[in-house]
Amino acid sequence: MGAEPLMAGNSQRRGRSSGAGKKTATAGTGGKNRRALAGRGATPPAEARTGHPAQRRAQADARRRAERDRSRQRAEESPELLLGRNPVVEALRAQIPATALYVVTGDTTRGALDERIAEAIALAGDRGLPLLEVGKAEFDRMSNGALHQGIGLQVPPYQYAHPEDLLDLARDSGRPPLIVAMDGVTDPRNLGAVVRSAAAFDAHGVVVPQRRSVGMTASAWRTSAGAAARLPVARAVNLARALASYQDAGLMTVGLAGDGDVDVHEFDGFADPVALVVGAEGTGLSRLVRERCDVVVRIPIARDTESLNVSVAAGIALYAAASARR
């Protein structure tokens, strides 16, 4: 017998008639039919998962940080109340800007114990400041329960300069720019002392970061011994970027740290345009700010002394800069 001719479908019928009972392999759908599983991508971190406890904690932390920032901004934009007899008298003697003197009713009639209050009233009168008498309960509320000794000086918010303003001031002075940048310093007395040294050694201004740094409080004003009235203090949103703009303007950024590359008295660049960068108490220069420094100098000290106070170190470096410019 001759071979049966092959026709379409013959092999499939033979497969079924052979008792296999199975379909042969067919082309797949490629995951395109309606039952295909849709991929969801990588699993997001816990903080990004809706309803996850980690997300709720992250959101709560973000709200707290935002509220702290808003509170700090409101505080900086509001007048400051300087409290206490000695601080108020010292502030008035230093000609700190003020808008009013508060005295608790009755505290001016207690004889010799109130000599400082009487002096404060006389100094305020010489400046034409309003004298406002308030009750003790009201003043306790105004001072948030802090010790006030019956007297307070209202200090207006400090008017900060822009970092670029210091360059304009340097150009107008005819001297090479000398600017002090303070990285994360939180003690107002250190800020005031650096402002005082900067003014004494002909610097053109001081720059502080907007966040995680002290501003020009009444305490900083008082420590500057009046220098804050003559020397501008600028506030930078980002200190590293402000230093970069100074570099673009031709300034050398000189960091100050105990582990610096060269001794301060051996550094030969202070006669040129310089931005001197000092770090925070204890922690020193932050990583990003240190990376922005062209050179880091050190002040040699006795091994038994761990470090210098930031305002003392800044004063030494500023003296070295002033000596190089003579």
Protein backbone atom coordinates (compact mmCIF):
# COMPACT_ATOMS: atom_id res chain seq x y z
CA MET A 1 0.00 0.00 0.00
CA GLY A 2 1.15 3.47 -0.72
CA ALA A 3 1.85 5.98 1.97
CA GLU A 4 -1.12 8.06 2.99
CA PRO A 5 -0.67 11.59 1.80
CA LEU A 6 -0.07 14.18 4.52
CA MET A 7 -2.83 16.67 4.93
CA ALA A 8 -3.31 19.59 7.25
CA GLY A 9 -4.35 18.34 10.67
CA ASN A 10 -3.31 14.69 10.07
CA SER A 11 -0.55 14.76 12.68
CA GLN A 12 -2.85 16.29 15.32
CA ARG A 13 -5.55 13.65 14.70
CA ARG A 14 -2.97 10.89 14.94
CA GLY A 15 -1.76 12.32 18.22
CA ARG A 16 -5.25 12.12 19.71
CA SER A 17 -5.92 8.68 18.29
CA SER A 18 -2.70 7.37 19.76
CA GLY A 19 -4.18 7.73 23.23
CA ALA A 20 -1.81 10.41 24.43
CA GLY A 21 -4.75 12.63 25.39
CA LYS A 22 -2.57 15.77 25.54
CA LYS A 23 -2.36 18.82 23.37
CA THR A 24 0.94 19.62 21.81
CA ALA A 25 2.75 22.81 22.73
CA THR A 26 1.30 26.00 21.32
CA ALA A 27 2.59 29.55 21.16
CA GLY A 28 2.35 31.35 24.52
CA THR A 29 0.51 34.57 25.23
CA GLY A 30 3.60 36.41 26.38
CA GLY A 31 1.73 37.57 29.49
CA LYS A 32 -0.68 39.61 27.41
CA ASN A 33 -3.96 37.90 28.14
CA ARG A 34 -6.41 39.06 30.75
CA ARG A 35 -5.16 36.58 33.35
CA ALA A 36 -1.56 37.70 33.12
CA LEU A 37 0.04 38.97 36.39
CA ALA A 38 0.98 42.64 36.30
CA GLY A 39 4.42 43.40 37.76
CA ARG A 40 4.52 45.93 40.61
CA GLY A 41 8.18 46.81 40.51
CA ALA A 42 10.54 46.97 43.46
CA THR A 43 9.05 46.98 46.95
CA PRO A 44 9.10 50.56 48.26
CA PRO A 45 10.76 51.28 51.61
CA ALA A 46 8.59 51.11 54.70
CA GLU A 47 8.50 54.92 55.00
CA ALA A 48 6.85 55.12 51.55
CA ARG A 49 4.14 52.51 52.13
CA THR A 50 0.71 53.97 52.75
CA GLY A 51 -0.51 53.19 56.25
CA HIS A 52 2.75 51.59 57.38
CA PRO A 53 3.80 52.56 60.94
CA ALA A 54 7.20 53.66 59.62
CA GLN A 55 5.47 56.03 57.20
CA ARG A 56 3.37 57.53 59.99
CA ARG A 57 6.50 58.04 62.11
CA ALA A 58 8.33 59.68 59.19
CA GLN A 59 5.38 61.99 58.54
CA ALA A 60 5.20 62.94 62.23
CA ASP A 61 8.95 63.67 62.28
CA ALA A 62 8.60 65.84 59.17
CA ARG A 63 5.75 67.80 60.76
CA ARG A 64 7.80 68.37 63.92
CA ARG A 65 10.81 69.58 61.92
CA ALA A 66 8.61 71.92 59.89
CA GLU A 67 7.03 73.31 63.06
CA ARG A 68 10.46 73.86 64.64
CA ASP A 69 11.60 75.70 61.52
CA ARG A 70 8.45 77.85 61.55
CA SER A 71 8.87 78.57 65.26
CA ARG A 72 12.51 79.51 64.75
CA GLN A 73 11.61 81.79 61.87
CA ARG A 74 8.82 83.45 63.88
CA ALA A 75 11.24 83.96 66.77
CA GLU A 76 13.83 85.52 64.47
CA GLU A 77 11.24 87.85 62.98
CA SER A 78 9.91 88.93 66.39
CA PRO A 79 11.48 91.36 68.87
CA GLU A 80 13.63 89.77 71.56
CA LEU A 81 13.09 90.52 75.24
CA LEU A 82 16.42 90.76 77.05
CA LEU A 83 15.86 90.08 80.76
CA GLY A 84 17.76 90.82 83.97
CA ARG A 85 19.26 93.91 85.56
CA ASN A 86 22.91 93.39 84.62
CA PRO A 87 22.23 92.20 81.03
CA VAL A 88 19.89 95.13 80.40
CA VAL A 89 22.33 97.73 81.75
CA GLU A 90 25.23 96.21 79.79
CA ALA A 91 23.12 96.16 76.62
CA LEU A 92 22.17 99.81 77.03
CA ARG A 93 25.79 100.76 77.66
CA ALA A 94 26.82 98.90 74.47
CA GLN A 95 24.25 100.87 72.47
CA ILE A 96 22.39 97.73 71.39
CA PRO A 97 19.37 98.70 69.24
CA ALA A 98 16.26 98.70 71.39
CA THR A 99 12.66 99.83 71.12
CA ALA A 100 11.41 99.91 74.73
CA LEU A 101 12.36 99.34 78.36
CA TYR A 102 9.92 97.35 80.52
CA VAL A 103 9.92 97.75 84.29
CA VAL A 104 7.67 95.89 86.71
CA THR A 105 5.50 98.31 88.67
CA GLY A 106 6.98 99.05 92.11
CA ASP A 107 10.51 97.81 91.37
CA THR A 108 11.82 101.36 91.04
CA THR A 109 11.03 102.23 94.68
CA ARG A 110 13.02 99.62 96.61
CA GLY A 111 16.05 101.74 97.39
CA ALA A 112 19.66 100.61 97.03
CA LEU A 113 18.77 97.14 95.74
CA ASP A 114 17.43 98.72 92.56
CA GLU A 115 20.40 100.89 91.59
CA ARG A 116 20.84 98.89 88.37
CA ILE A 117 17.21 99.43 87.42
CA ALA A 118 17.60 103.17 88.06
CA GLU A 119 20.72 103.19 85.87
CA ALA A 120 18.86 101.34 83.12
CA ILE A 121 16.02 103.88 83.27
CA ALA A 122 18.51 106.76 83.03
CA LEU A 123 20.34 105.17 80.06
CA ALA A 124 17.08 104.47 78.27
CA GLY A 125 15.96 108.03 78.89
CA ASP A 126 19.16 109.40 77.38
CA ARG A 127 18.37 107.44 74.22
CA GLY A 128 14.71 108.47 74.18
CA LEU A 129 13.45 104.89 74.63
CA PRO A 130 9.87 104.49 75.89
CA LEU A 131 9.61 103.38 79.54
CA LEU A 132 6.71 100.94 79.96
CA GLU A 133 5.54 99.88 83.41
CA VAL A 134 3.80 96.50 83.66
CA GLY A 135 2.42 94.34 86.44
CA LYS A 136 4.41 91.36 87.66
CA ALA A 137 1.85 88.81 86.46
CA GLU A 138 1.80 90.34 82.99
CA PHE A 139 5.59 90.46 82.81
CA ASP A 140 5.82 86.84 83.98
CA ARG A 141 3.62 85.96 81.01
CA MET A 142 5.65 88.09 78.60
CA SER A 143 8.90 86.45 79.73
CA ASN A 144 7.43 82.92 79.66
CA GLY A 145 8.21 82.48 83.34
CA ALA A 146 11.95 83.18 82.99
CA LEU A 147 13.84 85.03 85.71
CA HIS A 148 13.54 88.71 84.81
CA GLN A 149 14.37 90.62 88.03
CA GLY A 150 11.65 93.11 87.20
CA ILE A 151 13.19 94.56 84.03
CA GLY A 152 13.44 93.78 80.33
CA LEU A 153 14.75 95.46 77.19
CA GLN A 154 12.91 94.94 73.91
CA VAL A 155 15.42 94.37 71.09
CA PRO A 156 14.24 94.46 67.45
CA PRO A 157 15.10 91.62 65.04
CA TYR A 158 18.58 91.93 63.57
CA GLN A 159 18.73 93.10 59.96
CA TYR A 160 21.05 90.62 58.25
CA ALA A 161 23.04 91.46 55.16
CA HIS A 162 23.28 89.20 52.11
CA PRO A 163 26.61 87.34 51.65
CA GLU A 164 27.16 89.19 48.37
CA ASP A 165 26.81 92.53 50.19
CA LEU A 166 30.11 91.85 51.95
CA LEU A 167 31.88 91.63 48.59
CA ASP A 168 30.41 94.99 47.59
CA LEU A 169 31.63 96.46 50.88
CA ALA A 170 35.12 95.09 50.25
CA ARG A 171 35.23 96.59 46.74
CA ASP A 172 34.21 99.99 48.07
CA SER A 173 36.87 99.85 50.80
CA GLY A 174 39.76 99.49 48.39
CA ARG A 175 41.21 96.65 50.47
CA PRO A 176 41.38 92.95 49.56
CA PRO A 177 38.25 91.19 50.87
CA LEU A 178 38.54 89.58 54.29
CA ILE A 179 35.36 87.78 55.35
CA VAL A 180 34.79 85.43 58.29
CA ALA A 181 32.41 82.49 57.81
CA MET A 182 31.17 80.64 60.90
CA ASP A 183 30.12 77.04 60.38
CA GLY A 184 27.49 75.91 62.87
CA VAL A 185 28.56 78.03 65.87
CA THR A 186 25.71 77.92 68.41
CA ASP A 187 26.97 80.05 71.32
CA PRO A 188 25.92 83.71 70.88
CA ARG A 189 28.87 84.86 72.98
CA ASN A 190 31.27 83.25 70.52
CA LEU A 191 29.50 84.94 67.63
CA GLY A 192 29.70 88.31 69.39
CA ALA A 193 33.39 87.81 70.20
CA VAL A 194 34.20 86.89 66.57
CA VAL A 195 32.32 89.96 65.32
CA ARG A 196 34.37 92.06 67.73
CA SER A 197 37.67 90.56 66.52
CA ALA A 198 36.62 90.84 62.87
CA ALA A 199 35.91 94.55 63.34
CA ALA A 200 39.20 95.07 65.19
CA PHE A 201 41.26 93.51 62.37
CA ASP A 202 39.51 95.23 59.43
CA ALA A 203 37.42 92.34 58.16
CA HIS A 204 34.51 93.25 55.90
CA GLY A 205 31.89 91.14 57.61
CA VAL A 206 30.83 87.84 59.11
CA VAL A 207 28.66 85.15 57.51
CA VAL A 208 26.58 82.63 59.46
CA PRO A 209 24.34 79.81 58.16
CA GLN A 210 20.59 80.25 58.34
CA ARG A 211 20.05 76.89 60.05
CA ARG A 212 21.79 75.07 62.90
CA SER A 213 23.66 78.21 63.88
CA VAL A 214 23.22 81.06 66.31
CA GLY A 215 22.05 84.43 65.05
CA MET A 216 22.63 87.95 66.25
CA THR A 217 20.77 87.76 69.54
CA ALA A 218 20.95 90.41 72.24
CA SER A 219 23.65 88.32 73.93
CA ALA A 220 25.74 88.33 70.75
CA TRP A 221 25.19 92.09 70.42
CA ARG A 222 26.35 92.63 73.98
CA THR A 223 29.47 90.46 73.62
CA SER A 224 30.47 92.32 70.44
CA ALA A 225 30.87 95.45 72.61
CA GLY A 226 29.27 97.63 69.98
CA ALA A 227 31.17 96.14 67.01
CA ALA A 228 27.94 94.67 65.62
CA ALA A 229 26.79 98.23 64.95
CA ARG A 230 29.81 98.79 62.67
CA LEU A 231 30.35 95.40 61.02
CA PRO A 232 27.63 93.68 58.97
CA VAL A 233 26.62 90.09 59.68
CA ALA A 234 25.21 88.18 56.70
CA ARG A 235 23.07 85.07 56.74
CA ALA A 236 23.52 82.35 54.11
CA VAL A 237 20.84 79.81 53.23
CA ASN A 238 23.64 77.35 52.39
CA LEU A 239 27.11 78.16 53.68
CA ALA A 240 28.93 75.82 51.27
CA ARG A 241 27.27 77.50 48.29
CA ALA A 242 28.07 80.94 49.71
CA LEU A 243 31.73 79.92 49.94
CA ALA A 244 31.58 78.69 46.34
CA SER A 245 30.31 82.09 45.24
CA TYR A 246 33.20 83.72 47.12
CA GLN A 247 35.62 81.43 45.30
CA ASP A 248 34.06 82.45 41.99
CA ALA A 249 34.68 86.07 43.00
CA GLY A 250 38.39 85.33 43.48
CA LEU A 251 38.56 84.71 47.24
CA MET A 252 40.60 81.87 48.71
CA THR A 253 38.61 79.90 51.29
CA VAL A 254 40.85 79.20 54.29
CA GLY A 255 39.54 76.76 56.87
CA LEU A 256 40.72 76.76 60.48
CA ALA A 257 41.09 73.40 62.25
CA GLY A 258 43.39 71.71 64.74
CA ASP A 259 44.42 69.12 62.14
CA GLY A 260 45.04 71.62 59.35
CA ASP A 261 47.61 71.19 56.60
CA VAL A 262 49.85 74.15 57.43
CA ASP A 263 50.59 76.32 60.46
CA VAL A 264 48.79 79.65 60.46
CA HIS A 265 52.04 81.64 60.70
CA GLU A 266 53.49 79.76 57.70
CA PHE A 267 50.51 80.34 55.42
CA ASP A 268 51.41 83.01 52.86
CA GLY A 269 48.00 83.72 51.36
CA PHE A 270 46.46 86.05 53.94
CA ALA A 271 47.46 89.16 51.99
CA ASP A 272 45.18 88.04 49.16
CA PRO A 273 41.35 88.06 49.14
CA VAL A 274 40.35 85.54 51.81
CA ALA A 275 37.28 84.01 53.37
CA LEU A 276 38.34 82.62 56.76
CA VAL A 277 36.14 79.68 57.80
CA VAL A 278 35.86 78.67 61.46
CA GLY A 279 33.97 75.65 62.76
CA ALA A 280 31.53 74.85 65.52
CA GLU A 281 32.42 74.39 69.17
CA GLY A 282 33.60 70.82 69.66
CA THR A 283 32.79 69.44 66.19
CA GLY A 284 34.80 71.84 64.05
CA LEU A 285 34.19 72.23 60.34
CA SER A 286 31.43 70.16 58.77
CA ARG A 287 32.36 67.80 55.95
CA LEU A 288 30.76 69.79 53.13
CA VAL A 289 32.20 73.09 54.30
CA ARG A 290 35.68 71.62 54.78
CA GLU A 291 35.57 70.18 51.27
CA ARG A 292 34.84 73.69 50.01
CA CYS A 293 38.02 75.10 51.64
CA ASP A 294 41.03 75.64 49.39
CA VAL A 295 43.38 75.12 52.33
CA VAL A 296 43.00 74.31 56.03
CA VAL A 297 45.40 75.96 58.48
CA ARG A 298 46.07 75.11 62.10
CA ILE A 299 47.19 77.03 65.16
CA PRO A 300 50.01 75.18 66.93
CA ILE A 301 49.24 74.76 70.63
CA ALA A 302 50.62 72.77 73.55
CA ARG A 303 49.78 69.08 73.37
CA ASP A 304 48.12 69.15 76.78
CA THR A 305 45.49 71.58 75.45
CA GLU A 306 42.85 69.82 73.38
CA SER A 307 41.66 72.84 71.39
CA LEU A 308 41.11 76.59 71.46
CA ASN A 309 37.82 78.36 71.88
CA VAL A 310 36.44 79.21 68.43
CA SER A 311 36.44 82.95 69.07
CA VAL A 312 40.04 82.85 70.37
CA ALA A 313 41.18 80.84 67.34
CA ALA A 314 39.41 83.21 64.96
CA GLY A 315 41.06 86.18 66.66
CA ILE A 316 44.54 84.65 66.22
CA ALA A 317 43.91 83.92 62.54
CA LEU A 318 42.49 87.39 61.95
CA TYR A 319 45.57 88.94 63.56
CA ALA A 320 47.76 86.88 61.22
CA ALA A 321 45.71 88.13 58.26
CA ALA A 322 45.94 91.76 59.42
CA SER A 323 49.72 91.44 59.91
CA ALA A 324 50.16 90.06 56.38
CA ARG A 325 48.25 93.02 54.94
CA ARG A 326 50.35 95.76 56.55
